[in-house]
PDB file of N, CA and C in Angstrom:
ATOM      1  N   MET A   1     -21.202  -1.392 -33.120  1.00  0.00           N
ATOM      2  CA  MET A   1     -19.812  -0.995 -33.038  1.00  0.00           C
ATOM      3  C   MET A   1     -18.956  -2.217 -33.379  1.00  0.00           C
ATOM      4  N   ARG A   2     -17.915  -1.999 -34.176  1.00  0.00           N
ATOM      5  CA  ARG A   2     -17.006  -3.055 -34.612  1.00  0.00           C
ATOM      6  C   ARG A   2     -15.557  -2.596 -34.448  1.00  0.00           C
ATOM      7  N   ILE A   3     -14.670  -3.553 -34.215  1.00  0.00           N
ATOM      8  CA  ILE A   3     -13.243  -3.243 -34.131  1.00  0.00           C
ATOM      9  C   ILE A   3     -12.751  -2.884 -35.529  1.00  0.00           C
ATOM     10  N   ALA A   4     -12.065  -1.764 -35.625  1.00  0.00           N
ATOM     11  CA  ALA A   4     -11.539  -1.322 -36.919  1.00  0.00           C
ATOM     12  C   ALA A   4     -10.076  -1.763 -37.088  1.00  0.00           C
ATOM     13  N   THR A   5      -9.231  -1.493 -36.091  1.00  0.00           N
ATOM     14  CA  THR A   5      -7.816  -1.865 -36.171  1.00  0.00           C
ATOM     15  C   THR A   5      -7.295  -2.254 -34.795  1.00  0.00           C
ATOM     16  N   ILE A   6      -6.233  -3.045 -34.797  1.00  0.00           N
ATOM     17  CA  ILE A   6      -5.533  -3.393 -33.561  1.00  0.00           C
ATOM     18  C   ILE A   6      -4.034  -3.353 -33.835  1.00  0.00           C
ATOM     19  N   PRO A   7      -3.440  -2.166 -33.753  1.00  0.00           N
ATOM     20  CA  PRO A   7      -1.985  -2.123 -33.919  1.00  0.00           C
ATOM     21  C   PRO A   7      -1.288  -2.690 -32.681  1.00  0.00           C
ATOM     22  N   LEU A   8      -0.268  -3.512 -32.903  1.00  0.00           N
ATOM     23  CA  LEU A   8       0.546  -4.078 -31.827  1.00  0.00           C
ATOM     24  C   LEU A   8       1.904  -3.402 -31.833  1.00  0.00           C
ATOM     25  N   TYR A   9       2.471  -3.241 -30.676  1.00  0.00           N
ATOM     26  CA  TYR A   9       3.795  -2.640 -30.520  1.00  0.00           C
ATOM     27  C   TYR A   9       4.621  -3.595 -29.682  1.00  0.00           C
ATOM     28  N   HIS A  10       5.918  -3.562 -29.841  1.00  0.00           N
ATOM     29  CA  HIS A  10       6.792  -4.367 -28.981  1.00  0.00           C
ATOM     30  C   HIS A  10       7.780  -3.414 -28.339  1.00  0.00           C
ATOM     31  N   VAL A  11       7.801  -3.409 -27.013  1.00  0.00           N
ATOM     32  CA  VAL A  11       8.641  -2.476 -26.256  1.00  0.00           C
ATOM     33  C   VAL A  11       9.702  -3.269 -25.505  1.00  0.00           C
ATOM     34  N   VAL A  12      10.951  -2.854 -25.643  1.00  0.00           N
ATOM     35  CA  VAL A  12      12.066  -3.457 -24.922  1.00  0.00           C
ATOM     36  C   VAL A  12      12.749  -2.345 -24.137  1.00  0.00           C
ATOM     37  N   ILE A  13      12.857  -2.545 -22.826  1.00  0.00           N
ATOM     38  CA  ILE A  13      13.468  -1.544 -21.951  1.00  0.00           C
ATOM     39  C   ILE A  13      14.708  -2.164 -21.308  1.00  0.00           C
ATOM     40  N   PRO A  14      15.903  -1.626 -21.597  1.00  0.00           N
ATOM     41  CA  PRO A  14      17.111  -2.168 -20.968  1.00  0.00           C
ATOM     42  C   PRO A  14      17.073  -1.943 -19.452  1.00  0.00           C
ATOM     43  N   LEU A  15      17.529  -2.936 -18.708  1.00  0.00           N
ATOM     44  CA  LEU A  15      17.621  -2.801 -17.255  1.00  0.00           C
ATOM     45  C   LEU A  15      18.981  -2.237 -16.875  1.00  0.00           C
ATOM     46  N   ASP A  16      19.058  -1.560 -15.755  1.00  0.00           N
ATOM     47  CA  ASP A  16      20.324  -0.994 -15.279  1.00  0.00           C
ATOM     48  C   ASP A  16      21.270  -2.070 -14.752  1.00  0.00           C
ATOM     49  N   TYR A  17      20.727  -3.243 -14.431  1.00  0.00           N
ATOM     50  CA  TYR A  17      21.538  -4.326 -13.904  1.00  0.00           C
ATOM     51  C   TYR A  17      20.908  -5.657 -14.333  1.00  0.00           C
ATOM     52  N   THR A  18      21.669  -6.719 -14.265  1.00  0.00           N
ATOM     53  CA  THR A  18      21.149  -8.044 -14.612  1.00  0.00           C
ATOM     54  C   THR A  18      20.226  -8.525 -13.502  1.00  0.00           C
ATOM     55  N   PHE A  19      19.071  -9.018 -13.900  1.00  0.00           N
ATOM     56  CA  PHE A  19      18.059  -9.505 -12.966  1.00  0.00           C
ATOM     57  C   PHE A  19      17.935 -11.017 -13.142  1.00  0.00           C
ATOM     58  N   TRP A  20      17.988 -11.741 -12.036  1.00  0.00           N
ATOM     59  CA  TRP A  20      17.896 -13.196 -12.061  1.00  0.00           C
ATOM     60  C   TRP A  20      16.553 -13.619 -11.453  1.00  0.00           C
ATOM     61  N   PRO A  21      15.495 -13.732 -12.265  1.00  0.00           N
ATOM     62  CA  PRO A  21      14.183 -14.071 -11.699  1.00  0.00           C
ATOM     63  C   PRO A  21      14.153 -15.484 -11.126  1.00  0.00           C
ATOM     64  N   SER A  22      13.533 -15.621  -9.960  1.00  0.00           N
ATOM     65  CA  SER A  22      13.466 -16.923  -9.298  1.00  0.00           C
ATOM     66  C   SER A  22      12.544 -17.892 -10.038  1.00  0.00           C
ATOM     67  N   TRP A  23      11.600 -17.378 -10.831  1.00  0.00           N
ATOM     68  CA  TRP A  23      10.643 -18.251 -11.510  1.00  0.00           C
ATOM     69  C   TRP A  23      11.198 -18.855 -12.800  1.00  0.00           C
ATOM     70  N   ILE A  24      12.347 -18.384 -13.274  1.00  0.00           N
ATOM     71  CA  ILE A  24      13.009 -19.019 -14.417  1.00  0.00           C
ATOM     72  C   ILE A  24      14.510 -19.095 -14.124  1.00  0.00           C
ATOM     73  N   PRO A  25      14.908 -19.991 -13.228  1.00  0.00           N
ATOM     74  CA  PRO A  25      16.316 -20.092 -12.829  1.00  0.00           C
ATOM     75  C   PRO A  25      17.224 -20.332 -14.029  1.00  0.00           C
ATOM     76  N   GLY A  26      18.364 -19.663 -14.007  1.00  0.00           N
ATOM     77  CA  GLY A  26      19.345 -19.848 -15.066  1.00  0.00           C
ATOM     78  C   GLY A  26      19.149 -18.949 -16.270  1.00  0.00           C
ATOM     79  N   TYR A  27      18.126 -18.090 -16.241  1.00  0.00           N
ATOM     80  CA  TYR A  27      17.861 -17.191 -17.361  1.00  0.00           C
ATOM     81  C   TYR A  27      17.906 -15.738 -16.885  1.00  0.00           C
ATOM     82  N   PRO A  28      19.079 -15.129 -16.936  1.00  0.00           N
ATOM     83  CA  PRO A  28      19.185 -13.735 -16.494  1.00  0.00           C
ATOM     84  C   PRO A  28      18.432 -12.800 -17.437  1.00  0.00           C
ATOM     85  N   ARG A  29      17.912 -11.747 -16.890  1.00  0.00           N
ATOM     86  CA  ARG A  29      17.201 -10.735 -17.679  1.00  0.00           C
ATOM     87  C   ARG A  29      18.063  -9.472 -17.731  1.00  0.00           C
ATOM     88  N   ILE A  30      18.318  -8.988 -18.922  1.00  0.00           N
ATOM     89  CA  ILE A  30      19.062  -7.743 -19.080  1.00  0.00           C
ATOM     90  C   ILE A  30      18.150  -6.638 -19.608  1.00  0.00           C
ATOM     91  N   HIS A  31      16.901  -7.005 -19.916  1.00  0.00           N
ATOM     92  CA  HIS A  31      15.917  -6.025 -20.357  1.00  0.00           C
ATOM     93  C   HIS A  31      14.517  -6.541 -20.005  1.00  0.00           C
ATOM     94  N   ASP A  32      13.579  -5.669 -19.990  1.00  0.00           N
ATOM     95  CA  ASP A  32      12.183  -6.034 -19.792  1.00  0.00           C
ATOM     96  C   ASP A  32      11.474  -5.781 -21.108  1.00  0.00           C
ATOM     97  N   GLN A  33      10.490  -6.603 -21.431  1.00  0.00           N
ATOM     98  CA  GLN A  33       9.795  -6.414 -22.701  1.00  0.00           C
ATOM     99  C   GLN A  33       8.324  -6.766 -22.549  1.00  0.00           C
ATOM    100  N   PHE A  34       7.519  -6.078 -23.310  1.00  0.00           N
ATOM    101  CA  PHE A  34       6.089  -6.334 -23.301  1.00  0.00           C
ATOM    102  C   PHE A  34       5.496  -5.869 -24.623  1.00  0.00           C
ATOM    103  N   THR A  35       4.278  -6.303 -24.894  1.00  0.00           N
ATOM    104  CA  THR A  35       3.604  -5.964 -26.140  1.00  0.00           C
ATOM    105  C   THR A  35       2.275  -5.289 -25.828  1.00  0.00           C
ATOM    106  N   PRO A  36       2.237  -3.971 -25.926  1.00  0.00           N
ATOM    107  CA  PRO A  36       0.958  -3.289 -25.769  1.00  0.00           C
ATOM    108  C   PRO A  36       0.175  -3.309 -27.086  1.00  0.00           C
ATOM    109  N   ALA A  37      -1.126  -3.325 -26.960  1.00  0.00           N
ATOM    110  CA  ALA A  37      -2.013  -3.296 -28.122  1.00  0.00           C
ATOM    111  C   ALA A  37      -3.021  -2.167 -27.920  1.00  0.00           C
ATOM    112  N   ARG A  38      -3.371  -1.541 -29.005  1.00  0.00           N
ATOM    113  CA  ARG A  38      -4.385  -0.485 -28.984  1.00  0.00           C
ATOM    114  C   ARG A  38      -5.507  -0.926 -29.907  1.00  0.00           C
ATOM    115  N   SER A  39      -6.694  -1.080 -29.356  1.00  0.00           N
ATOM    116  CA  SER A  39      -7.851  -1.479 -30.144  1.00  0.00           C
ATOM    117  C   SER A  39      -8.663  -0.234 -30.470  1.00  0.00           C
ATOM    118  N   VAL A  40      -8.946  -0.040 -31.747  1.00  0.00           N
ATOM    119  CA  VAL A  40      -9.716   1.119 -32.190  1.00  0.00           C
ATOM    120  C   VAL A  40     -10.983   0.615 -32.873  1.00  0.00           C
ATOM    121  N   ALA A  41     -12.124   1.036 -32.343  1.00  0.00           N
ATOM    122  CA  ALA A  41     -13.402   0.645 -32.934  1.00  0.00           C
ATOM    123  C   ALA A  41     -13.913   1.777 -33.813  1.00  0.00           C
ATOM    124  N   ASP A  42     -14.795   1.417 -34.746  1.00  0.00           N
ATOM    125  CA  ASP A  42     -15.405   2.477 -35.543  1.00  0.00           C
ATOM    126  C   ASP A  42     -16.135   3.412 -34.581  1.00  0.00           C
ATOM    127  N   GLY A  43     -16.163   4.655 -34.888  1.00  0.00           N
ATOM    128  CA  GLY A  43     -16.734   5.637 -33.977  1.00  0.00           C
ATOM    129  C   GLY A  43     -15.694   6.240 -33.048  1.00  0.00           C
ATOM    130  N   GLY A  44     -14.423   5.757 -33.123  1.00  0.00           N
ATOM    131  CA  GLY A  44     -13.342   6.374 -32.355  1.00  0.00           C
ATOM    132  C   GLY A  44     -13.129   5.830 -30.958  1.00  0.00           C
ATOM    133  N   VAL A  45     -13.872   4.820 -30.532  1.00  0.00           N
ATOM    134  CA  VAL A  45     -13.673   4.246 -29.200  1.00  0.00           C
ATOM    135  C   VAL A  45     -12.361   3.466 -29.200  1.00  0.00           C
ATOM    136  N   GLU A  46     -11.520   3.690 -28.168  1.00  0.00           N
ATOM    137  CA  GLU A  46     -10.228   3.018 -28.079  1.00  0.00           C
ATOM    138  C   GLU A  46     -10.122   2.220 -26.793  1.00  0.00           C
ATOM    139  N   GLY A  47      -9.362   1.139 -26.842  1.00  0.00           N
ATOM    140  CA  GLY A  47      -9.058   0.344 -25.666  1.00  0.00           C
ATOM    141  C   GLY A  47      -7.598  -0.055 -25.697  1.00  0.00           C
ATOM    142  N   TYR A  48      -7.039  -0.321 -24.543  1.00  0.00           N
ATOM    143  CA  TYR A  48      -5.622  -0.648 -24.443  1.00  0.00           C
ATOM    144  C   TYR A  48      -5.434  -1.906 -23.602  1.00  0.00           C
ATOM    145  N   ALA A  49      -4.442  -2.704 -23.953  1.00  0.00           N
ATOM    146  CA  ALA A  49      -4.077  -3.885 -23.187  1.00  0.00           C
ATOM    147  C   ALA A  49      -2.595  -4.145 -23.414  1.00  0.00           C
ATOM    148  N   ALA A  50      -2.003  -4.955 -22.561  1.00  0.00           N
ATOM    149  CA  ALA A  50      -0.596  -5.309 -22.734  1.00  0.00           C
ATOM    150  C   ALA A  50      -0.377  -6.711 -22.227  1.00  0.00           C
ATOM    151  N   ARG A  51       0.633  -7.345 -22.780  1.00  0.00           N
ATOM    152  CA  ARG A  51       1.001  -8.690 -22.364  1.00  0.00           C
ATOM    153  C   ARG A  51       2.516  -8.785 -22.360  1.00  0.00           C
ATOM    154  N   THR A  52       3.041  -9.438 -21.355  1.00  0.00           N
ATOM    155  CA  THR A  52       4.468  -9.698 -21.322  1.00  0.00           C
ATOM    156  C   THR A  52       4.766 -10.814 -22.307  1.00  0.00           C
ATOM    157  N   MET A  53       5.712 -10.572 -23.198  1.00  0.00           N
ATOM    158  CA  MET A  53       6.111 -11.588 -24.171  1.00  0.00           C
ATOM    159  C   MET A  53       7.614 -11.543 -24.350  1.00  0.00           C
ATOM    160  N   THR A  54       8.215 -12.717 -24.462  1.00  0.00           N
ATOM    161  CA  THR A  54       9.622 -12.779 -24.827  1.00  0.00           C
ATOM    162  C   THR A  54       9.718 -12.662 -26.342  1.00  0.00           C
ATOM    163  N   GLY A  55      10.907 -12.543 -26.854  1.00  0.00           N
ATOM    164  CA  GLY A  55      11.095 -12.429 -28.297  1.00  0.00           C
ATOM    165  C   GLY A  55      10.448 -13.558 -29.085  1.00  0.00           C
ATOM    166  N   PRO A  56      10.706 -14.840 -28.717  1.00  0.00           N
ATOM    167  CA  PRO A  56      10.085 -15.937 -29.469  1.00  0.00           C
ATOM    168  C   PRO A  56       8.555 -15.922 -29.388  1.00  0.00           C
ATOM    169  N   GLU A  57       8.006 -15.580 -28.214  1.00  0.00           N
ATOM    170  CA  GLU A  57       6.543 -15.496 -28.096  1.00  0.00           C
ATOM    171  C   GLU A  57       6.005 -14.416 -29.019  1.00  0.00           C
ATOM    172  N   ARG A  58       6.677 -13.289 -29.048  1.00  0.00           N
ATOM    173  CA  ARG A  58       6.218 -12.165 -29.869  1.00  0.00           C
ATOM    174  C   ARG A  58       6.262 -12.545 -31.350  1.00  0.00           C
ATOM    175  N   ARG A  59       7.324 -13.205 -31.771  1.00  0.00           N
ATOM    176  CA  ARG A  59       7.413 -13.615 -33.172  1.00  0.00           C
ATOM    177  C   ARG A  59       6.319 -14.621 -33.507  1.00  0.00           C
ATOM    178  N   GLY A  60       6.037 -15.539 -32.576  1.00  0.00           N
ATOM    179  CA  GLY A  60       4.998 -16.526 -32.812  1.00  0.00           C
ATOM    180  C   GLY A  60       3.602 -15.919 -32.846  1.00  0.00           C
ATOM    181  N   HIS A  61       3.387 -14.914 -32.015  1.00  0.00           N
ATOM    182  CA  HIS A  61       2.084 -14.245 -31.948  1.00  0.00           C
ATOM    183  C   HIS A  61       1.864 -13.392 -33.189  1.00  0.00           C
ATOM    184  N   GLY A  62       2.947 -12.806 -33.671  1.00  0.00           N
ATOM    185  CA  GLY A  62       2.886 -12.000 -34.889  1.00  0.00           C
ATOM    186  C   GLY A  62       1.818 -10.935 -34.836  1.00  0.00           C
ATOM    187  N   ASP A  63       1.165 -10.723 -35.941  1.00  0.00           N
ATOM    188  CA  ASP A  63       0.111  -9.713 -35.997  1.00  0.00           C
ATOM    189  C   ASP A  63      -1.264 -10.378 -36.075  1.00  0.00           C
ATOM    190  N   LEU A  64      -1.369 -11.595 -35.521  1.00  0.00           N
ATOM    191  CA  LEU A  64      -2.604 -12.362 -35.597  1.00  0.00           C
ATOM    192  C   LEU A  64      -3.835 -11.590 -35.109  1.00  0.00           C
ATOM    193  N   PRO A  65      -3.817 -10.954 -33.918  1.00  0.00           N
ATOM    194  CA  PRO A  65      -5.007 -10.210 -33.512  1.00  0.00           C
ATOM    195  C   PRO A  65      -5.346  -9.071 -34.470  1.00  0.00           C
ATOM    196  N   GLY A  66      -4.324  -8.396 -34.978  1.00  0.00           N
ATOM    197  CA  GLY A  66      -4.551  -7.282 -35.892  1.00  0.00           C
ATOM    198  C   GLY A  66      -5.168  -7.699 -37.212  1.00  0.00           C
ATOM    199  N   ARG A  67      -4.929  -8.951 -37.617  1.00  0.00           N
ATOM    200  CA  ARG A  67      -5.514  -9.455 -38.862  1.00  0.00           C
ATOM    201  C   ARG A  67      -6.849 -10.143 -38.632  1.00  0.00           C
ATOM    202  N   SER A  68      -7.068 -10.706 -37.438  1.00  0.00           N
ATOM    203  CA  SER A  68      -8.230 -11.555 -37.211  1.00  0.00           C
ATOM    204  C   SER A  68      -9.398 -10.889 -36.499  1.00  0.00           C
ATOM    205  N   LEU A  69      -9.145  -9.876 -35.695  1.00  0.00           N
ATOM    206  CA  LEU A  69     -10.217  -9.308 -34.886  1.00  0.00           C
ATOM    207  C   LEU A  69     -10.950  -8.111 -35.487  1.00  0.00           C
ATOM    208  N   PRO A  70     -10.405  -7.394 -36.475  1.00  0.00           N
ATOM    209  CA  PRO A  70     -11.204  -6.324 -37.074  1.00  0.00           C
ATOM    210  C   PRO A  70     -12.539  -6.860 -37.598  1.00  0.00           C
ATOM    211  N   GLY A  71     -13.576  -6.124 -37.297  1.00  0.00           N
ATOM    212  CA  GLY A  71     -14.927  -6.528 -37.658  1.00  0.00           C
ATOM    213  C   GLY A  71     -15.662  -7.180 -36.503  1.00  0.00           C
ATOM    214  N   ALA A  72     -14.931  -7.604 -35.453  1.00  0.00           N
ATOM    215  CA  ALA A  72     -15.561  -8.226 -34.292  1.00  0.00           C
ATOM    216  C   ALA A  72     -16.212  -7.161 -33.413  1.00  0.00           C
ATOM    217  N   ASN A  73     -17.190  -7.582 -32.659  1.00  0.00           N
ATOM    218  CA  ASN A  73     -17.856  -6.697 -31.704  1.00  0.00           C
ATOM    219  C   ASN A  73     -16.972  -6.598 -30.458  1.00  0.00           C
ATOM    220  N   PRO A  74     -16.475  -5.403 -30.105  1.00  0.00           N
ATOM    221  CA  PRO A  74     -15.554  -5.283 -28.973  1.00  0.00           C
ATOM    222  C   PRO A  74     -16.219  -5.566 -27.627  1.00  0.00           C
ATOM    223  N   THR A  75     -17.544  -5.617 -27.585  1.00  0.00           N
ATOM    224  CA  THR A  75     -18.209  -5.928 -26.318  1.00  0.00           C
ATOM    225  C   THR A  75     -18.434  -7.432 -26.141  1.00  0.00           C
ATOM    226  N   ASP A  76     -18.091  -8.235 -27.151  1.00  0.00           N
ATOM    227  CA  ASP A  76     -18.226  -9.688 -27.052  1.00  0.00           C
ATOM    228  C   ASP A  76     -16.946 -10.254 -26.428  1.00  0.00           C
ATOM    229  N   ILE A  77     -16.777  -9.967 -25.153  1.00  0.00           N
ATOM    230  CA  ILE A  77     -15.544 -10.294 -24.437  1.00  0.00           C
ATOM    231  C   ILE A  77     -15.266 -11.799 -24.458  1.00  0.00           C
ATOM    232  N   ASP A  78     -16.283 -12.625 -24.253  1.00  0.00           N
ATOM    233  CA  ASP A  78     -16.074 -14.075 -24.217  1.00  0.00           C
ATOM    234  C   ASP A  78     -15.498 -14.585 -25.533  1.00  0.00           C
ATOM    235  N   ARG A  79     -16.021 -14.117 -26.667  1.00  0.00           N
ATOM    236  CA  ARG A  79     -15.524 -14.555 -27.977  1.00  0.00           C
ATOM    237  C   ARG A  79     -14.090 -14.112 -28.200  1.00  0.00           C
ATOM    238  N   ILE A  80     -13.804 -12.858 -27.877  1.00  0.00           N
ATOM    239  CA  ILE A  80     -12.458 -12.329 -28.090  1.00  0.00           C
ATOM    240  C   ILE A  80     -11.467 -13.026 -27.167  1.00  0.00           C
ATOM    241  N   GLN A  81     -11.835 -13.223 -25.896  1.00  0.00           N
ATOM    242  CA  GLN A  81     -10.945 -13.904 -24.958  1.00  0.00           C
ATOM    243  C   GLN A  81     -10.680 -15.339 -25.414  1.00  0.00           C
ATOM    244  N   SER A  82     -11.708 -16.028 -25.880  1.00  0.00           N
ATOM    245  CA  SER A  82     -11.533 -17.389 -26.375  1.00  0.00           C
ATOM    246  C   SER A  82     -10.576 -17.418 -27.568  1.00  0.00           C
ATOM    247  N   PHE A  83     -10.735 -16.474 -28.484  1.00  0.00           N
ATOM    248  CA  PHE A  83      -9.849 -16.394 -29.647  1.00  0.00           C
ATOM    249  C   PHE A  83      -8.395 -16.179 -29.204  1.00  0.00           C
ATOM    250  N   LEU A  84      -8.173 -15.239 -28.273  1.00  0.00           N
ATOM    251  CA  LEU A  84      -6.811 -14.931 -27.842  1.00  0.00           C
ATOM    252  C   LEU A  84      -6.196 -16.105 -27.093  1.00  0.00           C
ATOM    253  N   GLU A  85      -6.982 -16.822 -26.303  1.00  0.00           N
ATOM    254  CA  GLU A  85      -6.449 -17.990 -25.607  1.00  0.00           C
ATOM    255  C   GLU A  85      -6.034 -19.073 -26.588  1.00  0.00           C
ATOM    256  N   GLN A  86      -6.817 -19.257 -27.648  1.00  0.00           N
ATOM    257  CA  GLN A  86      -6.477 -20.266 -28.647  1.00  0.00           C
ATOM    258  C   GLN A  86      -5.288 -19.843 -29.497  1.00  0.00           C
ATOM    259  N   ALA A  87      -5.161 -18.558 -29.740  1.00  0.00           N
ATOM    260  CA  ALA A  87      -4.044 -18.053 -30.545  1.00  0.00           C
ATOM    261  C   ALA A  87      -2.750 -18.253 -29.808  1.00  0.00           C
TER     262      ALA A  87
END
């Protein structure tokens, strides 16, 4: 089994009020955002994951997993995790 595609999505959800997170003082949040990914392997097996990313992180991450991971064995978790940590 090999990974066929990994489409990435970027979701932005407006908040009803301004949120001031204590872990990043001085940076109010007016929306929440995250990037879900759907991994599709040959044979139709699918997997899902998501990561919180700000706009600059998302632009920097780009479509790197979608271009680099097709053809990889989806059960080789250590290799894929190492790749994503380095990316």
